[in-house]
Amino acid sequence: MEDVERWWNGAWGRLARRDVWLRKDGDHWEVEALAGGVEGHSNTWKFFCEPDARAFLDRLLDDGRGGWRRLTVGAWGRRDRKEQPDRGGP
């Protein structure tokens, strides 16, 4: 699974923090939403095409609060999340 995009709501702290990933694996796509930082709760949705995955991602980011920031995929990718201590930042 390849991380394509990562978004963070700009909020600090485990109660307010939200992260969203868009991933691709061949022709399959998934969106993961994490609430609460490293020890939080996540949900994952799977899609058969990019437009459907991006439409769902847009709905998640349209939360009425704004502040979402697109982060560079790489060092903070999903696979690193459990190994990195939550320092409150992206």
N, C-alpha and C. Protein backbone atom coordinates (compact mmCIF):
# COMPACT_ATOMS: atom_id res chain seq x y z
N MET A 1 0.85 -1.17 0.00
CA MET A 1 0.00 0.00 0.00
C MET A 1 0.90 1.23 0.00
N GLU A 2 0.68 2.12 -0.93
CA GLU A 2 1.48 3.34 -1.07
C GLU A 2 0.71 4.55 -0.54
N ASP A 3 1.34 5.32 0.35
CA ASP A 3 0.73 6.56 0.82
C ASP A 3 0.79 7.59 -0.31
N VAL A 4 -0.36 8.13 -0.69
CA VAL A 4 -0.44 9.11 -1.77
C VAL A 4 -0.54 10.52 -1.19
N GLU A 5 -1.40 10.70 -0.20
CA GLU A 5 -1.57 12.00 0.46
C GLU A 5 -1.81 11.77 1.95
N ARG A 6 -1.47 12.81 2.72
CA ARG A 6 -1.78 12.80 4.14
C ARG A 6 -2.23 14.19 4.52
N TRP A 7 -3.28 14.26 5.34
CA TRP A 7 -3.83 15.53 5.79
C TRP A 7 -3.91 15.53 7.31
N TRP A 8 -3.72 16.71 7.90
CA TRP A 8 -3.79 16.90 9.35
C TRP A 8 -4.66 18.13 9.60
N ASN A 9 -5.52 18.06 10.60
CA ASN A 9 -6.45 19.16 10.84
C ASN A 9 -5.82 20.36 11.55
N GLY A 10 -4.55 20.30 11.87
CA GLY A 10 -3.87 21.44 12.48
C GLY A 10 -4.10 21.57 13.98
N ALA A 11 -4.83 20.64 14.55
CA ALA A 11 -5.14 20.71 15.99
C ALA A 11 -4.11 19.89 16.78
N TRP A 12 -3.75 20.40 17.94
CA TRP A 12 -2.81 19.73 18.83
C TRP A 12 -3.58 19.04 19.94
N GLY A 13 -3.07 17.94 20.40
CA GLY A 13 -3.69 17.23 21.51
C GLY A 13 -4.51 16.05 21.05
N ARG A 14 -4.58 15.05 21.89
CA ARG A 14 -5.21 13.80 21.49
C ARG A 14 -6.72 13.89 21.31
N LEU A 15 -7.37 14.84 21.92
CA LEU A 15 -8.82 14.95 21.77
C LEU A 15 -9.22 15.66 20.48
N ALA A 16 -8.39 16.57 20.00
CA ALA A 16 -8.76 17.38 18.84
C ALA A 16 -8.09 16.94 17.54
N ARG A 17 -6.99 16.25 17.63
CA ARG A 17 -6.20 15.91 16.45
C ARG A 17 -6.93 14.93 15.53
N ARG A 18 -6.83 15.20 14.22
CA ARG A 18 -7.36 14.31 13.20
C ARG A 18 -6.34 14.19 12.08
N ASP A 19 -6.16 12.98 11.56
CA ASP A 19 -5.28 12.73 10.42
C ASP A 19 -6.06 11.90 9.41
N VAL A 20 -5.80 12.15 8.12
CA VAL A 20 -6.45 11.39 7.06
C VAL A 20 -5.41 11.03 6.01
N TRP A 21 -5.40 9.76 5.60
CA TRP A 21 -4.48 9.28 4.58
C TRP A 21 -5.27 8.82 3.36
N LEU A 22 -4.71 9.05 2.18
CA LEU A 22 -5.19 8.48 0.93
C LEU A 22 -4.10 7.54 0.45
N ARG A 23 -4.47 6.28 0.19
CA ARG A 23 -3.49 5.26 -0.20
C ARG A 23 -3.92 4.54 -1.46
N LYS A 24 -2.92 3.97 -2.13
CA LYS A 24 -3.16 3.24 -3.38
C LYS A 24 -2.41 1.91 -3.33
N ASP A 25 -3.06 0.87 -3.83
CA ASP A 25 -2.43 -0.44 -3.96
C ASP A 25 -2.88 -1.00 -5.30
N GLY A 26 -2.06 -0.81 -6.31
CA GLY A 26 -2.46 -1.23 -7.65
C GLY A 26 -3.66 -0.41 -8.11
N ASP A 27 -4.76 -1.09 -8.40
CA ASP A 27 -5.98 -0.40 -8.83
C ASP A 27 -6.94 -0.12 -7.68
N HIS A 28 -6.56 -0.45 -6.46
CA HIS A 28 -7.42 -0.25 -5.30
C HIS A 28 -6.95 0.94 -4.49
N TRP A 29 -7.91 1.63 -3.89
CA TRP A 29 -7.64 2.83 -3.10
C TRP A 29 -8.26 2.67 -1.72
N GLU A 30 -7.67 3.37 -0.74
CA GLU A 30 -8.28 3.39 0.58
C GLU A 30 -8.07 4.76 1.22
N VAL A 31 -8.99 5.09 2.10
CA VAL A 31 -8.91 6.31 2.90
C VAL A 31 -8.96 5.87 4.35
N GLU A 32 -8.00 6.36 5.14
CA GLU A 32 -7.99 6.08 6.57
C GLU A 32 -8.13 7.39 7.32
N ALA A 33 -9.03 7.43 8.29
CA ALA A 33 -9.21 8.59 9.15
C ALA A 33 -8.85 8.19 10.57
N LEU A 34 -7.95 8.95 11.18
CA LEU A 34 -7.49 8.70 12.54
C LEU A 34 -7.90 9.87 13.42
N ALA A 35 -8.54 9.57 14.52
CA ALA A 35 -8.93 10.59 15.50
C ALA A 35 -8.16 10.33 16.78
N GLY A 36 -7.48 11.35 17.27
CA GLY A 36 -6.85 11.24 18.58
C GLY A 36 -5.38 10.89 18.62
N GLY A 37 -4.66 11.03 17.54
CA GLY A 37 -3.22 10.77 17.58
C GLY A 37 -2.89 9.29 17.60
N VAL A 38 -1.67 8.97 17.98
CA VAL A 38 -1.16 7.61 17.91
C VAL A 38 -2.05 6.61 18.64
N GLU A 39 -2.57 6.98 19.78
CA GLU A 39 -3.38 6.06 20.56
C GLU A 39 -4.87 6.21 20.27
N GLY A 40 -5.20 6.91 19.21
CA GLY A 40 -6.59 7.17 18.88
C GLY A 40 -7.26 6.02 18.14
N HIS A 41 -8.38 6.33 17.54
CA HIS A 41 -9.21 5.34 16.84
C HIS A 41 -9.17 5.65 15.35
N SER A 42 -9.03 4.61 14.53
CA SER A 42 -9.02 4.83 13.08
C SER A 42 -10.09 4.00 12.40
N ASN A 43 -10.54 4.51 11.27
CA ASN A 43 -11.46 3.81 10.38
C ASN A 43 -10.85 3.83 8.99
N THR A 44 -11.06 2.75 8.24
CA THR A 44 -10.54 2.66 6.88
C THR A 44 -11.67 2.27 5.93
N TRP A 45 -11.71 2.96 4.77
CA TRP A 45 -12.70 2.69 3.74
C TRP A 45 -11.96 2.33 2.47
N LYS A 46 -12.44 1.34 1.75
CA LYS A 46 -11.78 0.87 0.52
C LYS A 46 -12.63 1.24 -0.70
N PHE A 47 -11.93 1.54 -1.81
CA PHE A 47 -12.58 1.99 -3.04
C PHE A 47 -11.93 1.31 -4.23
N PHE A 48 -12.70 1.18 -5.31
CA PHE A 48 -12.20 0.54 -6.52
C PHE A 48 -11.65 1.54 -7.53
N CYS A 49 -11.84 2.85 -7.28
CA CYS A 49 -11.32 3.85 -8.21
C CYS A 49 -10.93 5.12 -7.46
N GLU A 50 -9.99 5.84 -8.05
CA GLU A 50 -9.48 7.07 -7.44
C GLU A 50 -10.56 8.14 -7.26
N PRO A 51 -11.42 8.39 -8.27
CA PRO A 51 -12.43 9.45 -8.07
C PRO A 51 -13.33 9.20 -6.86
N ASP A 52 -13.73 7.96 -6.62
CA ASP A 52 -14.56 7.66 -5.45
C ASP A 52 -13.80 7.89 -4.15
N ALA A 53 -12.53 7.47 -4.12
CA ALA A 53 -11.71 7.66 -2.92
C ALA A 53 -11.50 9.15 -2.64
N ARG A 54 -11.23 9.93 -3.68
CA ARG A 54 -11.01 11.37 -3.50
C ARG A 54 -12.30 12.08 -3.11
N ALA A 55 -13.43 11.64 -3.62
CA ALA A 55 -14.71 12.25 -3.23
C ALA A 55 -14.97 12.00 -1.75
N PHE A 56 -14.67 10.81 -1.27
CA PHE A 56 -14.85 10.51 0.14
C PHE A 56 -13.87 11.31 0.99
N LEU A 57 -12.62 11.40 0.55
CA LEU A 57 -11.62 12.22 1.23
C LEU A 57 -12.10 13.66 1.35
N ASP A 58 -12.64 14.21 0.28
CA ASP A 58 -13.16 15.59 0.30
C ASP A 58 -14.27 15.74 1.34
N ARG A 59 -15.13 14.75 1.45
CA ARG A 59 -16.20 14.82 2.46
C ARG A 59 -15.64 14.82 3.88
N LEU A 60 -14.59 14.02 4.11
CA LEU A 60 -13.98 14.00 5.44
C LEU A 60 -13.33 15.34 5.77
N LEU A 61 -12.69 15.97 4.78
CA LEU A 61 -12.01 17.24 5.01
C LEU A 61 -12.97 18.41 5.12
N ASP A 62 -14.18 18.25 4.62
CA ASP A 62 -15.19 19.31 4.69
C ASP A 62 -15.97 19.17 5.99
N ASP A 63 -15.27 19.43 7.10
CA ASP A 63 -15.87 19.22 8.42
C ASP A 63 -16.44 20.49 9.04
N GLY A 64 -16.41 21.60 8.30
CA GLY A 64 -16.96 22.85 8.80
C GLY A 64 -16.01 23.64 9.68
N ARG A 65 -14.88 23.06 10.02
CA ARG A 65 -13.91 23.76 10.88
C ARG A 65 -12.72 24.27 10.10
N GLY A 66 -12.39 23.63 9.00
CA GLY A 66 -11.24 24.05 8.21
C GLY A 66 -9.93 23.76 8.92
N GLY A 67 -8.89 24.40 8.46
CA GLY A 67 -7.58 24.23 9.07
C GLY A 67 -6.80 23.02 8.59
N TRP A 68 -7.37 22.24 7.67
CA TRP A 68 -6.68 21.04 7.19
C TRP A 68 -5.43 21.43 6.42
N ARG A 69 -4.35 20.69 6.65
CA ARG A 69 -3.07 20.91 6.00
C ARG A 69 -2.60 19.64 5.33
N ARG A 70 -2.21 19.77 4.08
CA ARG A 70 -1.65 18.61 3.39
C ARG A 70 -0.20 18.47 3.81
N LEU A 71 0.18 17.30 4.28
CA LEU A 71 1.53 17.05 4.74
C LEU A 71 2.31 16.26 3.70
N THR A 72 3.60 16.35 3.77
CA THR A 72 4.46 15.58 2.87
C THR A 72 4.41 14.12 3.28
N VAL A 73 4.12 13.27 2.33
CA VAL A 73 4.11 11.83 2.59
C VAL A 73 5.55 11.37 2.69
N GLY A 74 5.84 10.52 3.63
CA GLY A 74 7.20 10.02 3.79
C GLY A 74 7.47 9.67 5.23
N ALA A 75 8.25 10.50 5.89
CA ALA A 75 8.68 10.22 7.26
C ALA A 75 7.51 10.03 8.20
N TRP A 76 6.37 10.67 7.93
CA TRP A 76 5.22 10.56 8.82
C TRP A 76 4.14 9.66 8.23
N GLY A 77 4.52 8.77 7.31
CA GLY A 77 3.55 7.87 6.70
C GLY A 77 2.93 6.92 7.71
N ARG A 78 1.87 6.27 7.35
CA ARG A 78 1.08 5.39 8.23
C ARG A 78 1.95 4.33 8.90
N ARG A 79 2.85 3.75 8.18
CA ARG A 79 3.65 2.67 8.74
C ARG A 79 4.55 3.16 9.87
N ASP A 80 4.93 4.43 9.85
CA ASP A 80 5.80 4.98 10.89
C ASP A 80 5.01 5.40 12.12
N ARG A 81 3.73 5.56 12.00
CA ARG A 81 2.92 6.18 13.05
C ARG A 81 3.07 5.48 14.39
N LYS A 82 2.98 4.18 14.42
CA LYS A 82 3.03 3.46 15.70
C LYS A 82 4.45 3.46 16.30
N GLU A 83 5.45 3.66 15.47
CA GLU A 83 6.81 3.65 15.97
C GLU A 83 7.28 5.00 16.45
N GLN A 84 6.58 6.07 16.08
CA GLN A 84 6.96 7.42 16.47
C GLN A 84 6.18 7.86 17.68
N PRO A 85 6.83 8.44 18.68
CA PRO A 85 6.08 8.98 19.81
C PRO A 85 5.23 10.15 19.35
N ASP A 86 4.04 10.30 19.91
CA ASP A 86 3.18 11.41 19.53
C ASP A 86 3.66 12.66 20.23
N ARG A 87 4.22 13.55 19.45
CA ARG A 87 4.73 14.81 19.99
C ARG A 87 3.76 15.94 19.72
N GLY A 88 2.56 15.59 19.27
CA GLY A 88 1.54 16.60 19.02
C GLY A 88 1.66 17.27 17.68
N GLY A 89 2.71 17.06 16.93
CA GLY A 89 2.89 17.69 15.64
C GLY A 89 2.63 16.73 14.51
N PRO A 90 2.70 17.21 13.30
CA PRO A 90 2.47 16.34 12.17
C PRO A 90 3.57 15.38 12.04
